[in-house]
Amino acid sequence: MASAPLVASAADMAPDAMIKQLSDEVLNTLKTDQAIRSGDVSKITSYVDSVVMPNVDFRRMMASAVGPKWRTATAAQQQQLQDEFKKLMVNTYAGALHQVSDQTISVKPVRMQAGDKEVVVRSEILGRGDPIQLDYRLQKTPGQGMGWKIYNLNVMGIWMVETYRNQFQEELNKPGGSPQTLIDSIAARNKANAGKK
């Protein structure tokens, strides 16, 4: 329940303050939780669900990555796409987590005008070697659970949604390509990744 204060207060926080708090919490957990450090996928998934996902507009992220065919997917297919994509991301990053040791994060003050609904928060991971650029695109969400939510992530100059959009378009543009064939393709990658562990 350590994430409760973060989720509860996110509505009142500036976007850069929210990213700083979330980043510090994640880094501290990576440094101290041995199961997560060792790549325990079920523990990582549970942590991502409880701490990270409440701060991410995952639906917008997926809709952008899938492109126009997102609108042709049924509600059940949209949910399956989100579930399989989340597994893919967790598996992708699980292997790198044991390398986190003495890193810290530097979040740069955000430049925004009053009333801005979308912002970019820039940060760097500092430790051994060169700093790693990590930027976030966030949007202000209205209504219940309002606050700033991440909808894209830039690691060292590469925006995640655009990278996955290129991969997904290849699958969707194949003869017979559809939201279901994309779900099947991501699920197969996840199964293959799980088999490597």
N, C-alpha and C. Protein backbone atom coordinates (compact mmCIF):
# COMPACT_ATOMS: atom_id res chain seq x y z
N MET A 1 0.82 -1.21 0.00
CA MET A 1 0.00 0.00 0.00
C MET A 1 0.86 1.26 0.00
N ALA A 2 2.15 1.08 -0.22
CA ALA A 2 3.05 2.24 -0.21
C ALA A 2 2.69 3.24 -1.29
N SER A 3 1.98 2.78 -2.33
CA SER A 3 1.68 3.67 -3.44
C SER A 3 0.48 4.56 -3.18
N ALA A 4 -0.28 4.27 -2.13
CA ALA A 4 -1.52 5.02 -1.90
C ALA A 4 -1.31 6.53 -1.81
N PRO A 5 -0.30 7.01 -1.06
CA PRO A 5 -0.11 8.47 -0.99
C PRO A 5 0.18 9.08 -2.36
N LEU A 6 0.93 8.35 -3.18
CA LEU A 6 1.26 8.85 -4.52
C LEU A 6 0.00 9.00 -5.36
N VAL A 7 -0.82 7.96 -5.37
CA VAL A 7 -2.05 7.98 -6.17
C VAL A 7 -3.00 9.05 -5.66
N ALA A 8 -3.14 9.13 -4.35
CA ALA A 8 -4.08 10.08 -3.77
C ALA A 8 -3.68 11.52 -4.03
N SER A 9 -2.37 11.79 -4.02
CA SER A 9 -1.93 13.18 -4.14
C SER A 9 -1.61 13.59 -5.57
N ALA A 10 -1.63 12.63 -6.50
CA ALA A 10 -1.22 12.93 -7.87
C ALA A 10 -2.06 14.03 -8.50
N ALA A 11 -3.34 14.12 -8.10
CA ALA A 11 -4.22 15.12 -8.69
C ALA A 11 -3.75 16.52 -8.39
N ASP A 12 -3.07 16.70 -7.23
CA ASP A 12 -2.67 18.04 -6.81
C ASP A 12 -1.23 18.38 -7.20
N MET A 13 -0.49 17.42 -7.71
CA MET A 13 0.94 17.63 -7.94
C MET A 13 1.21 18.22 -9.32
N ALA A 14 2.29 19.01 -9.40
CA ALA A 14 2.79 19.45 -10.69
C ALA A 14 3.36 18.23 -11.41
N PRO A 15 3.36 18.23 -12.76
CA PRO A 15 3.80 17.03 -13.48
C PRO A 15 5.25 16.64 -13.18
N ASP A 16 6.15 17.63 -13.06
CA ASP A 16 7.54 17.28 -12.76
C ASP A 16 7.69 16.71 -11.35
N ALA A 17 6.92 17.23 -10.40
CA ALA A 17 6.96 16.71 -9.03
C ALA A 17 6.42 15.28 -8.99
N MET A 18 5.39 15.00 -9.78
CA MET A 18 4.84 13.65 -9.82
C MET A 18 5.86 12.67 -10.39
N ILE A 19 6.52 13.06 -11.48
CA ILE A 19 7.54 12.19 -12.09
C ILE A 19 8.70 11.96 -11.12
N LYS A 20 9.12 13.00 -10.42
CA LYS A 20 10.22 12.86 -9.45
C LYS A 20 9.83 11.88 -8.34
N GLN A 21 8.63 12.03 -7.80
CA GLN A 21 8.20 11.15 -6.71
C GLN A 21 8.08 9.71 -7.19
N LEU A 22 7.46 9.52 -8.36
CA LEU A 22 7.30 8.17 -8.90
C LEU A 22 8.66 7.54 -9.21
N SER A 23 9.55 8.31 -9.83
CA SER A 23 10.87 7.80 -10.19
C SER A 23 11.67 7.41 -8.95
N ASP A 24 11.64 8.26 -7.94
CA ASP A 24 12.37 7.95 -6.71
C ASP A 24 11.83 6.68 -6.06
N GLU A 25 10.50 6.56 -6.04
CA GLU A 25 9.89 5.37 -5.44
C GLU A 25 10.30 4.11 -6.20
N VAL A 26 10.24 4.16 -7.53
CA VAL A 26 10.60 2.99 -8.34
C VAL A 26 12.08 2.65 -8.14
N LEU A 27 12.97 3.65 -8.22
CA LEU A 27 14.40 3.39 -8.05
C LEU A 27 14.70 2.78 -6.68
N ASN A 28 14.07 3.33 -5.63
CA ASN A 28 14.31 2.80 -4.28
C ASN A 28 13.85 1.35 -4.18
N THR A 29 12.71 1.03 -4.79
CA THR A 29 12.22 -0.34 -4.77
C THR A 29 13.16 -1.26 -5.53
N LEU A 30 13.64 -0.80 -6.70
CA LEU A 30 14.56 -1.62 -7.49
C LEU A 30 15.85 -1.91 -6.72
N LYS A 31 16.27 -0.96 -5.89
CA LYS A 31 17.51 -1.15 -5.14
C LYS A 31 17.33 -2.08 -3.95
N THR A 32 16.11 -2.16 -3.41
CA THR A 32 15.93 -2.86 -2.13
C THR A 32 15.14 -4.16 -2.23
N ASP A 33 14.32 -4.34 -3.28
CA ASP A 33 13.49 -5.54 -3.37
C ASP A 33 14.22 -6.62 -4.17
N GLN A 34 14.68 -7.66 -3.47
CA GLN A 34 15.51 -8.68 -4.12
C GLN A 34 14.75 -9.46 -5.18
N ALA A 35 13.45 -9.73 -4.96
CA ALA A 35 12.67 -10.48 -5.94
C ALA A 35 12.56 -9.71 -7.26
N ILE A 36 12.34 -8.40 -7.16
CA ILE A 36 12.26 -7.56 -8.36
C ILE A 36 13.62 -7.48 -9.03
N ARG A 37 14.66 -7.29 -8.23
CA ARG A 37 16.03 -7.19 -8.78
C ARG A 37 16.43 -8.46 -9.53
N SER A 38 15.95 -9.60 -9.05
CA SER A 38 16.34 -10.87 -9.67
C SER A 38 15.51 -11.19 -10.91
N GLY A 39 14.53 -10.33 -11.24
CA GLY A 39 13.74 -10.52 -12.46
C GLY A 39 12.50 -11.37 -12.27
N ASP A 40 11.98 -11.47 -11.05
CA ASP A 40 10.75 -12.22 -10.78
C ASP A 40 9.57 -11.52 -11.48
N VAL A 41 9.13 -12.10 -12.61
CA VAL A 41 8.16 -11.43 -13.48
C VAL A 41 6.83 -11.20 -12.76
N SER A 42 6.36 -12.17 -11.97
CA SER A 42 5.08 -11.99 -11.29
C SER A 42 5.16 -10.87 -10.26
N LYS A 43 6.29 -10.76 -9.58
CA LYS A 43 6.48 -9.67 -8.59
C LYS A 43 6.57 -8.32 -9.30
N ILE A 44 7.30 -8.31 -10.42
CA ILE A 44 7.44 -7.06 -11.19
C ILE A 44 6.08 -6.62 -11.72
N THR A 45 5.31 -7.58 -12.26
CA THR A 45 3.98 -7.26 -12.80
C THR A 45 3.08 -6.68 -11.72
N SER A 46 3.10 -7.31 -10.56
CA SER A 46 2.28 -6.82 -9.44
C SER A 46 2.70 -5.41 -9.03
N TYR A 47 4.00 -5.16 -9.01
CA TYR A 47 4.52 -3.83 -8.64
C TYR A 47 4.11 -2.79 -9.69
N VAL A 48 4.28 -3.14 -10.96
CA VAL A 48 3.90 -2.22 -12.05
C VAL A 48 2.41 -1.89 -11.96
N ASP A 49 1.57 -2.93 -11.72
CA ASP A 49 0.12 -2.72 -11.62
C ASP A 49 -0.24 -1.78 -10.48
N SER A 50 0.40 -1.94 -9.33
CA SER A 50 -0.01 -1.18 -8.15
C SER A 50 0.61 0.21 -8.07
N VAL A 51 1.82 0.37 -8.59
CA VAL A 51 2.53 1.65 -8.40
C VAL A 51 2.64 2.47 -9.68
N VAL A 52 2.97 1.82 -10.79
CA VAL A 52 3.23 2.56 -12.03
C VAL A 52 1.94 2.82 -12.81
N MET A 53 1.13 1.78 -13.02
CA MET A 53 -0.03 1.90 -13.91
C MET A 53 -1.05 2.98 -13.52
N PRO A 54 -1.29 3.23 -12.22
CA PRO A 54 -2.23 4.31 -11.90
C PRO A 54 -1.79 5.68 -12.43
N ASN A 55 -0.51 5.80 -12.81
CA ASN A 55 0.02 7.07 -13.31
C ASN A 55 0.21 7.09 -14.82
N VAL A 56 -0.30 6.04 -15.50
CA VAL A 56 -0.14 5.91 -16.95
C VAL A 56 -1.51 5.85 -17.61
N ASP A 57 -1.66 6.60 -18.71
CA ASP A 57 -2.86 6.48 -19.54
C ASP A 57 -2.56 5.40 -20.57
N PHE A 58 -2.69 4.15 -20.11
CA PHE A 58 -2.27 3.02 -20.94
C PHE A 58 -3.18 2.86 -22.16
N ARG A 59 -4.44 3.20 -22.01
CA ARG A 59 -5.37 3.09 -23.14
C ARG A 59 -4.96 4.04 -24.26
N ARG A 60 -4.62 5.29 -23.91
CA ARG A 60 -4.18 6.24 -24.94
C ARG A 60 -2.87 5.76 -25.58
N MET A 61 -1.97 5.23 -24.75
CA MET A 61 -0.69 4.73 -25.24
C MET A 61 -0.92 3.63 -26.29
N MET A 62 -1.81 2.69 -25.96
CA MET A 62 -2.08 1.59 -26.87
C MET A 62 -2.81 2.06 -28.13
N ALA A 63 -3.80 2.94 -27.97
CA ALA A 63 -4.54 3.45 -29.12
C ALA A 63 -3.58 4.13 -30.10
N SER A 64 -2.62 4.89 -29.56
CA SER A 64 -1.64 5.58 -30.42
C SER A 64 -0.72 4.58 -31.10
N ALA A 65 -0.30 3.55 -30.36
CA ALA A 65 0.62 2.57 -30.92
C ALA A 65 -0.05 1.71 -32.00
N VAL A 66 -1.32 1.38 -31.81
CA VAL A 66 -2.04 0.54 -32.78
C VAL A 66 -2.46 1.36 -34.00
N GLY A 67 -2.80 2.64 -33.78
CA GLY A 67 -3.20 3.48 -34.90
C GLY A 67 -4.67 3.32 -35.25
N PRO A 68 -5.07 3.61 -36.50
CA PRO A 68 -6.49 3.64 -36.88
C PRO A 68 -7.23 2.32 -36.62
N LYS A 69 -6.52 1.19 -36.69
CA LYS A 69 -7.21 -0.09 -36.50
C LYS A 69 -7.65 -0.31 -35.06
N TRP A 70 -7.17 0.53 -34.14
CA TRP A 70 -7.64 0.46 -32.75
C TRP A 70 -9.16 0.60 -32.71
N ARG A 71 -9.69 1.50 -33.56
CA ARG A 71 -11.13 1.77 -33.54
C ARG A 71 -11.95 0.59 -34.08
N THR A 72 -11.30 -0.29 -34.84
CA THR A 72 -12.02 -1.46 -35.38
C THR A 72 -12.00 -2.63 -34.40
N ALA A 73 -11.18 -2.53 -33.34
CA ALA A 73 -11.10 -3.61 -32.35
C ALA A 73 -12.31 -3.57 -31.43
N THR A 74 -12.79 -4.74 -31.04
CA THR A 74 -13.88 -4.79 -30.05
C THR A 74 -13.33 -4.37 -28.69
N ALA A 75 -14.23 -4.09 -27.76
CA ALA A 75 -13.78 -3.72 -26.40
C ALA A 75 -12.93 -4.84 -25.80
N ALA A 76 -13.33 -6.09 -26.03
CA ALA A 76 -12.56 -7.23 -25.50
C ALA A 76 -11.17 -7.28 -26.14
N GLN A 77 -11.09 -7.01 -27.46
CA GLN A 77 -9.78 -7.02 -28.14
C GLN A 77 -8.91 -5.87 -27.64
N GLN A 78 -9.50 -4.70 -27.41
CA GLN A 78 -8.73 -3.58 -26.88
C GLN A 78 -8.14 -3.93 -25.52
N GLN A 79 -8.93 -4.60 -24.69
CA GLN A 79 -8.42 -5.01 -23.37
C GLN A 79 -7.31 -6.05 -23.51
N GLN A 80 -7.50 -7.01 -24.44
CA GLN A 80 -6.46 -8.02 -24.68
C GLN A 80 -5.17 -7.38 -25.17
N LEU A 81 -5.30 -6.41 -26.07
CA LEU A 81 -4.11 -5.70 -26.56
C LEU A 81 -3.37 -5.04 -25.41
N GLN A 82 -4.11 -4.37 -24.53
CA GLN A 82 -3.48 -3.71 -23.39
C GLN A 82 -2.79 -4.73 -22.48
N ASP A 83 -3.47 -5.86 -22.22
CA ASP A 83 -2.91 -6.88 -21.32
C ASP A 83 -1.63 -7.49 -21.90
N GLU A 84 -1.68 -7.85 -23.19
CA GLU A 84 -0.50 -8.47 -23.81
C GLU A 84 0.65 -7.48 -23.94
N PHE A 85 0.33 -6.22 -24.25
CA PHE A 85 1.37 -5.21 -24.39
C PHE A 85 2.05 -4.95 -23.06
N LYS A 86 1.26 -4.92 -21.99
CA LYS A 86 1.85 -4.71 -20.66
C LYS A 86 2.80 -5.86 -20.32
N LYS A 87 2.40 -7.09 -20.63
CA LYS A 87 3.28 -8.25 -20.41
C LYS A 87 4.58 -8.09 -21.19
N LEU A 88 4.44 -7.64 -22.45
CA LEU A 88 5.61 -7.45 -23.31
C LEU A 88 6.57 -6.43 -22.69
N MET A 89 6.01 -5.32 -22.20
CA MET A 89 6.86 -4.29 -21.59
C MET A 89 7.54 -4.80 -20.33
N VAL A 90 6.79 -5.50 -19.48
CA VAL A 90 7.36 -6.04 -18.24
C VAL A 90 8.49 -7.01 -18.57
N ASN A 91 8.24 -7.91 -19.53
CA ASN A 91 9.28 -8.87 -19.92
C ASN A 91 10.50 -8.18 -20.51
N THR A 92 10.25 -7.14 -21.29
CA THR A 92 11.35 -6.42 -21.94
C THR A 92 12.28 -5.80 -20.90
N TYR A 93 11.68 -5.22 -19.85
CA TYR A 93 12.50 -4.50 -18.88
C TYR A 93 12.94 -5.34 -17.69
N ALA A 94 12.33 -6.50 -17.50
CA ALA A 94 12.66 -7.33 -16.34
C ALA A 94 14.14 -7.69 -16.30
N GLY A 95 14.69 -8.01 -17.46
CA GLY A 95 16.09 -8.44 -17.51
C GLY A 95 17.08 -7.36 -17.11
N ALA A 96 16.70 -6.09 -17.28
CA ALA A 96 17.63 -4.99 -16.99
C ALA A 96 17.57 -4.54 -15.53
N LEU A 97 16.58 -4.99 -14.78
CA LEU A 97 16.36 -4.43 -13.46
C LEU A 97 17.49 -4.75 -12.47
N HIS A 98 18.12 -5.92 -12.62
CA HIS A 98 19.17 -6.28 -11.67
C HIS A 98 20.40 -5.39 -11.81
N GLN A 99 20.46 -4.61 -12.89
CA GLN A 99 21.61 -3.72 -13.10
C GLN A 99 21.47 -2.40 -12.34
N VAL A 100 20.29 -2.13 -11.78
CA VAL A 100 20.09 -0.89 -11.04
C VAL A 100 20.82 -1.00 -9.70
N SER A 101 21.72 -0.06 -9.43
CA SER A 101 22.43 -0.11 -8.15
C SER A 101 22.50 1.27 -7.51
N ASP A 102 23.38 2.12 -8.03
CA ASP A 102 23.58 3.42 -7.37
C ASP A 102 23.03 4.59 -8.19
N GLN A 103 22.12 4.29 -9.12
CA GLN A 103 21.59 5.36 -9.97
C GLN A 103 20.67 6.30 -9.19
N THR A 104 20.67 7.54 -9.63
CA THR A 104 19.71 8.52 -9.12
C THR A 104 19.05 9.17 -10.33
N ILE A 105 17.97 9.89 -10.09
CA ILE A 105 17.28 10.53 -11.21
C ILE A 105 17.24 12.03 -10.99
N SER A 106 17.49 12.76 -12.04
CA SER A 106 17.41 14.21 -12.01
C SER A 106 16.27 14.64 -12.92
N VAL A 107 15.24 15.24 -12.32
CA VAL A 107 14.07 15.70 -13.09
C VAL A 107 14.20 17.19 -13.30
N LYS A 108 14.12 17.62 -14.56
CA LYS A 108 14.28 19.05 -14.86
C LYS A 108 12.94 19.77 -14.66
N PRO A 109 12.96 21.00 -14.20
CA PRO A 109 11.71 21.74 -14.03
C PRO A 109 10.97 21.83 -15.36
N VAL A 110 9.67 21.62 -15.31
CA VAL A 110 8.87 21.61 -16.53
C VAL A 110 8.55 23.03 -16.96
N ARG A 111 8.54 23.25 -18.28
CA ARG A 111 8.14 24.55 -18.81
C ARG A 111 6.70 24.43 -19.27
N MET A 112 5.83 25.15 -18.62
CA MET A 112 4.41 25.08 -19.02
C MET A 112 3.71 26.37 -18.68
N GLN A 113 2.61 26.60 -19.38
CA GLN A 113 1.76 27.75 -19.14
C GLN A 113 0.56 27.30 -18.31
N ALA A 114 -0.03 28.22 -17.60
CA ALA A 114 -1.27 27.91 -16.87
C ALA A 114 -2.30 27.42 -17.89
N GLY A 115 -2.96 26.34 -17.55
CA GLY A 115 -3.98 25.81 -18.44
C GLY A 115 -3.47 24.78 -19.44
N ASP A 116 -2.15 24.55 -19.49
CA ASP A 116 -1.63 23.52 -20.40
C ASP A 116 -2.20 22.16 -20.01
N LYS A 117 -2.62 21.40 -21.01
CA LYS A 117 -3.18 20.05 -20.78
C LYS A 117 -2.19 18.95 -21.12
N GLU A 118 -1.12 19.30 -21.86
CA GLU A 118 -0.10 18.32 -22.20
C GLU A 118 1.28 18.96 -22.00
N VAL A 119 2.20 18.17 -21.43
CA VAL A 119 3.55 18.68 -21.18
C VAL A 119 4.56 17.55 -21.41
N VAL A 120 5.82 17.97 -21.58
CA VAL A 120 6.93 17.01 -21.60
C VAL A 120 7.78 17.28 -20.36
N VAL A 121 8.02 16.21 -19.58
CA VAL A 121 8.90 16.31 -18.41
C VAL A 121 10.20 15.58 -18.77
N ARG A 122 11.31 16.31 -18.68
CA ARG A 122 12.60 15.75 -19.06
C ARG A 122 13.36 15.33 -17.80
N SER A 123 14.04 14.19 -17.90
CA SER A 123 14.84 13.73 -16.76
C SER A 123 16.07 12.99 -17.28
N GLU A 124 16.98 12.73 -16.36
CA GLU A 124 18.18 11.95 -16.67
C GLU A 124 18.42 10.97 -15.52
N ILE A 125 18.83 9.76 -15.89
CA ILE A 125 19.26 8.79 -14.89
C ILE A 125 20.77 8.92 -14.79
N LEU A 126 21.22 9.20 -13.59
CA LEU A 126 22.64 9.45 -13.35
C LEU A 126 23.24 8.29 -12.56
N GLY A 127 24.42 7.89 -12.95
CA GLY A 127 25.12 6.80 -12.26
C GLY A 127 26.43 6.58 -12.96
N ARG A 128 26.82 5.33 -13.10
CA ARG A 128 28.04 5.04 -13.84
C ARG A 128 27.82 5.34 -15.32
N GLY A 129 28.84 5.86 -15.96
CA GLY A 129 28.74 6.14 -17.40
C GLY A 129 27.96 7.42 -17.68
N ASP A 130 27.58 7.55 -18.95
CA ASP A 130 26.88 8.75 -19.39
C ASP A 130 25.45 8.77 -18.84
N PRO A 131 24.92 9.98 -18.62
CA PRO A 131 23.52 10.06 -18.19
C PRO A 131 22.59 9.45 -19.24
N ILE A 132 21.50 8.84 -18.79
CA ILE A 132 20.51 8.25 -19.70
C ILE A 132 19.32 9.19 -19.75
N GLN A 133 19.02 9.68 -20.95
CA GLN A 133 17.88 10.59 -21.14
C GLN A 133 16.59 9.79 -21.00
N LEU A 134 15.67 10.32 -20.19
CA LEU A 134 14.36 9.68 -20.00
C LEU A 134 13.33 10.80 -19.90
N ASP A 135 12.52 10.94 -20.95
CA ASP A 135 11.52 12.01 -20.99
C ASP A 135 10.12 11.39 -21.01
N TYR A 136 9.17 12.15 -20.49
CA TYR A 136 7.80 11.66 -20.38
C TYR A 136 6.86 12.67 -21.03
N ARG A 137 5.89 12.17 -21.81
CA ARG A 137 4.78 13.02 -22.25
C ARG A 137 3.62 12.73 -21.32
N LEU A 138 3.04 13.80 -20.78
CA LEU A 138 1.92 13.65 -19.86
C LEU A 138 0.74 14.49 -20.31
N GLN A 139 -0.45 14.03 -19.93
CA GLN A 139 -1.64 14.82 -20.17
C GLN A 139 -2.41 14.97 -18.86
N LYS A 140 -3.08 16.09 -18.75
CA LYS A 140 -3.95 16.34 -17.60
C LYS A 140 -5.26 15.62 -17.84
N THR A 141 -5.67 14.79 -16.90
CA THR A 141 -6.92 14.05 -17.09
C THR A 141 -8.02 14.68 -16.26
N PRO A 142 -9.17 14.95 -16.89
CA PRO A 142 -10.25 15.60 -16.18
C PRO A 142 -11.08 14.61 -15.36
N GLY A 143 -11.86 15.14 -14.46
CA GLY A 143 -12.83 14.32 -13.73
C GLY A 143 -12.22 13.45 -12.66
N GLN A 144 -12.89 12.34 -12.37
CA GLN A 144 -12.46 11.45 -11.30
C GLN A 144 -11.06 10.91 -11.58
N GLY A 145 -10.24 10.87 -10.53
CA GLY A 145 -8.87 10.40 -10.70
C GLY A 145 -8.03 11.37 -11.51
N MET A 146 -8.45 12.64 -11.52
CA MET A 146 -7.74 13.60 -12.36
C MET A 146 -6.32 13.80 -11.84
N GLY A 147 -5.50 14.24 -12.71
CA GLY A 147 -4.09 14.46 -12.40
C GLY A 147 -3.32 14.31 -13.70
N TRP A 148 -2.02 14.22 -13.60
CA TRP A 148 -1.19 14.06 -14.78
C TRP A 148 -0.94 12.58 -15.00
N LYS A 149 -1.10 12.14 -16.25
CA LYS A 149 -0.87 10.74 -16.59
C LYS A 149 0.12 10.65 -17.76
N ILE A 150 1.03 9.70 -17.64
CA ILE A 150 2.03 9.46 -18.68
C ILE A 150 1.36 8.75 -19.86
N TYR A 151 1.65 9.22 -21.09
CA TYR A 151 1.13 8.49 -22.25
C TYR A 151 2.20 8.18 -23.29
N ASN A 152 3.45 8.59 -23.03
CA ASN A 152 4.56 8.22 -23.91
C ASN A 152 5.85 8.41 -23.15
N LEU A 153 6.87 7.69 -23.56
CA LEU A 153 8.14 7.66 -22.85
C LEU A 153 9.26 7.69 -23.87
N ASN A 154 10.26 8.52 -23.63
CA ASN A 154 11.39 8.67 -24.55
C ASN A 154 12.65 8.22 -23.83
N VAL A 155 13.25 7.13 -24.33
CA VAL A 155 14.51 6.65 -23.75
C VAL A 155 15.62 6.92 -24.76
N MET A 156 16.53 7.80 -24.38
CA MET A 156 17.70 8.14 -25.20
C MET A 156 17.32 8.53 -26.62
N GLY A 157 16.28 9.35 -26.73
CA GLY A 157 15.90 9.91 -28.03
C GLY A 157 14.90 9.08 -28.82
N ILE A 158 14.44 7.96 -28.27
CA ILE A 158 13.50 7.11 -28.99
C ILE A 158 12.18 7.05 -28.22
N TRP A 159 11.11 7.58 -28.84
CA TRP A 159 9.79 7.56 -28.20
C TRP A 159 9.18 6.17 -28.32
N MET A 160 8.77 5.60 -27.21
CA MET A 160 8.30 4.23 -27.15
C MET A 160 7.08 3.97 -28.04
N VAL A 161 6.08 4.86 -28.00
CA VAL A 161 4.85 4.63 -28.76
C VAL A 161 5.16 4.57 -30.26
N GLU A 162 6.03 5.47 -30.73
CA GLU A 162 6.36 5.48 -32.16
C GLU A 162 7.09 4.19 -32.56
N THR A 163 7.98 3.70 -31.69
CA THR A 163 8.70 2.47 -31.97
C THR A 163 7.74 1.30 -32.11
N TYR A 164 6.83 1.17 -31.14
CA TYR A 164 5.87 0.06 -31.20
C TYR A 164 4.87 0.26 -32.34
N ARG A 165 4.53 1.52 -32.67
CA ARG A 165 3.60 1.74 -33.78
C ARG A 165 4.19 1.17 -35.07
N ASN A 166 5.49 1.39 -35.29
CA ASN A 166 6.13 0.86 -36.50
C ASN A 166 6.05 -0.67 -36.53
N GLN A 167 6.33 -1.30 -35.36
CA GLN A 167 6.26 -2.77 -35.30
C GLN A 167 4.83 -3.26 -35.51
N PHE A 168 3.88 -2.60 -34.86
CA PHE A 168 2.48 -3.05 -34.96
C PHE A 168 1.93 -2.86 -36.37
N GLN A 169 2.35 -1.76 -37.03
CA GLN A 169 1.84 -1.51 -38.38
C GLN A 169 2.29 -2.61 -39.34
N GLU A 170 3.51 -3.13 -39.15
CA GLU A 170 3.98 -4.23 -39.98
C GLU A 170 3.02 -5.41 -39.87
N GLU A 171 2.63 -5.73 -38.64
CA GLU A 171 1.72 -6.86 -38.41
C GLU A 171 0.33 -6.56 -38.99
N LEU A 172 -0.17 -5.35 -38.74
CA LEU A 172 -1.52 -4.99 -39.17
C LEU A 172 -1.64 -4.87 -40.69
N ASN A 173 -0.53 -4.52 -41.36
CA ASN A 173 -0.56 -4.33 -42.81
C ASN A 173 -0.33 -5.61 -43.61
N LYS A 174 -0.04 -6.70 -42.90
CA LYS A 174 0.09 -7.99 -43.60
C LYS A 174 -1.28 -8.38 -44.16
N PRO A 175 -1.32 -9.22 -45.21
CA PRO A 175 -2.61 -9.72 -45.69
C PRO A 175 -3.37 -10.40 -44.53
N GLY A 176 -4.60 -9.99 -44.33
CA GLY A 176 -5.39 -10.55 -43.23
C GLY A 176 -5.08 -9.93 -41.87
N GLY A 177 -4.22 -8.91 -41.86
CA GLY A 177 -3.86 -8.26 -40.60
C GLY A 177 -5.06 -7.61 -39.94
N SER A 178 -5.18 -7.79 -38.62
CA SER A 178 -6.32 -7.26 -37.88
C SER A 178 -5.92 -7.11 -36.42
N PRO A 179 -6.76 -6.46 -35.61
CA PRO A 179 -6.44 -6.41 -34.18
C PRO A 179 -6.20 -7.80 -33.58
N GLN A 180 -6.96 -8.81 -34.04
CA GLN A 180 -6.79 -10.16 -33.48
C GLN A 180 -5.43 -10.76 -33.86
N THR A 181 -4.99 -10.55 -35.10
CA THR A 181 -3.68 -11.09 -35.48
C THR A 181 -2.56 -10.37 -34.71
N LEU A 182 -2.75 -9.09 -34.40
CA LEU A 182 -1.77 -8.37 -33.59
C LEU A 182 -1.74 -8.93 -32.17
N ILE A 183 -2.91 -9.18 -31.60
CA ILE A 183 -2.98 -9.80 -30.26
C ILE A 183 -2.23 -11.12 -30.27
N ASP A 184 -2.49 -11.94 -31.28
CA ASP A 184 -1.85 -13.26 -31.37
C ASP A 184 -0.33 -13.12 -31.49
N SER A 185 0.11 -12.14 -32.27
CA SER A 185 1.54 -11.92 -32.47
C SER A 185 2.23 -11.49 -31.17
N ILE A 186 1.62 -10.54 -30.45
CA ILE A 186 2.22 -10.09 -29.17
C ILE A 186 2.19 -11.23 -28.15
N ALA A 187 1.08 -11.99 -28.12
CA ALA A 187 0.98 -13.12 -27.18
C ALA A 187 2.07 -14.16 -27.47
N ALA A 188 2.34 -14.41 -28.75
CA ALA A 188 3.39 -15.37 -29.13
C ALA A 188 4.76 -14.88 -28.66
N ARG A 189 5.01 -13.58 -28.81
CA ARG A 189 6.28 -13.02 -28.32
C ARG A 189 6.39 -13.19 -26.81
N ASN A 190 5.28 -12.94 -26.12
CA ASN A 190 5.30 -13.08 -24.66
C ASN A 190 5.57 -14.52 -24.25
N LYS A 191 4.96 -15.46 -24.99
CA LYS A 191 5.16 -16.88 -24.68
C LYS A 191 6.63 -17.26 -24.90
N ALA A 192 7.19 -16.77 -26.02
CA ALA A 192 8.60 -17.04 -26.32
C ALA A 192 9.51 -16.45 -25.24
N ASN A 193 9.21 -15.21 -24.82
CA ASN A 193 10.01 -14.58 -23.75
C ASN A 193 9.94 -15.37 -22.47
N ALA A 194 8.73 -15.84 -22.12
CA ALA A 194 8.54 -16.61 -20.88
C ALA A 194 9.34 -17.92 -20.96
N GLY A 195 9.42 -18.51 -22.16
CA GLY A 195 10.16 -19.75 -22.33
C GLY A 195 11.66 -19.61 -22.16
N LYS A 196 12.16 -18.37 -22.35
CA LYS A 196 13.60 -18.13 -22.24
C LYS A 196 14.06 -18.02 -20.79
N LYS A 197 13.09 -17.81 -19.87
CA LYS A 197 13.45 -17.55 -18.48
C LYS A 197 13.81 -18.84 -17.77
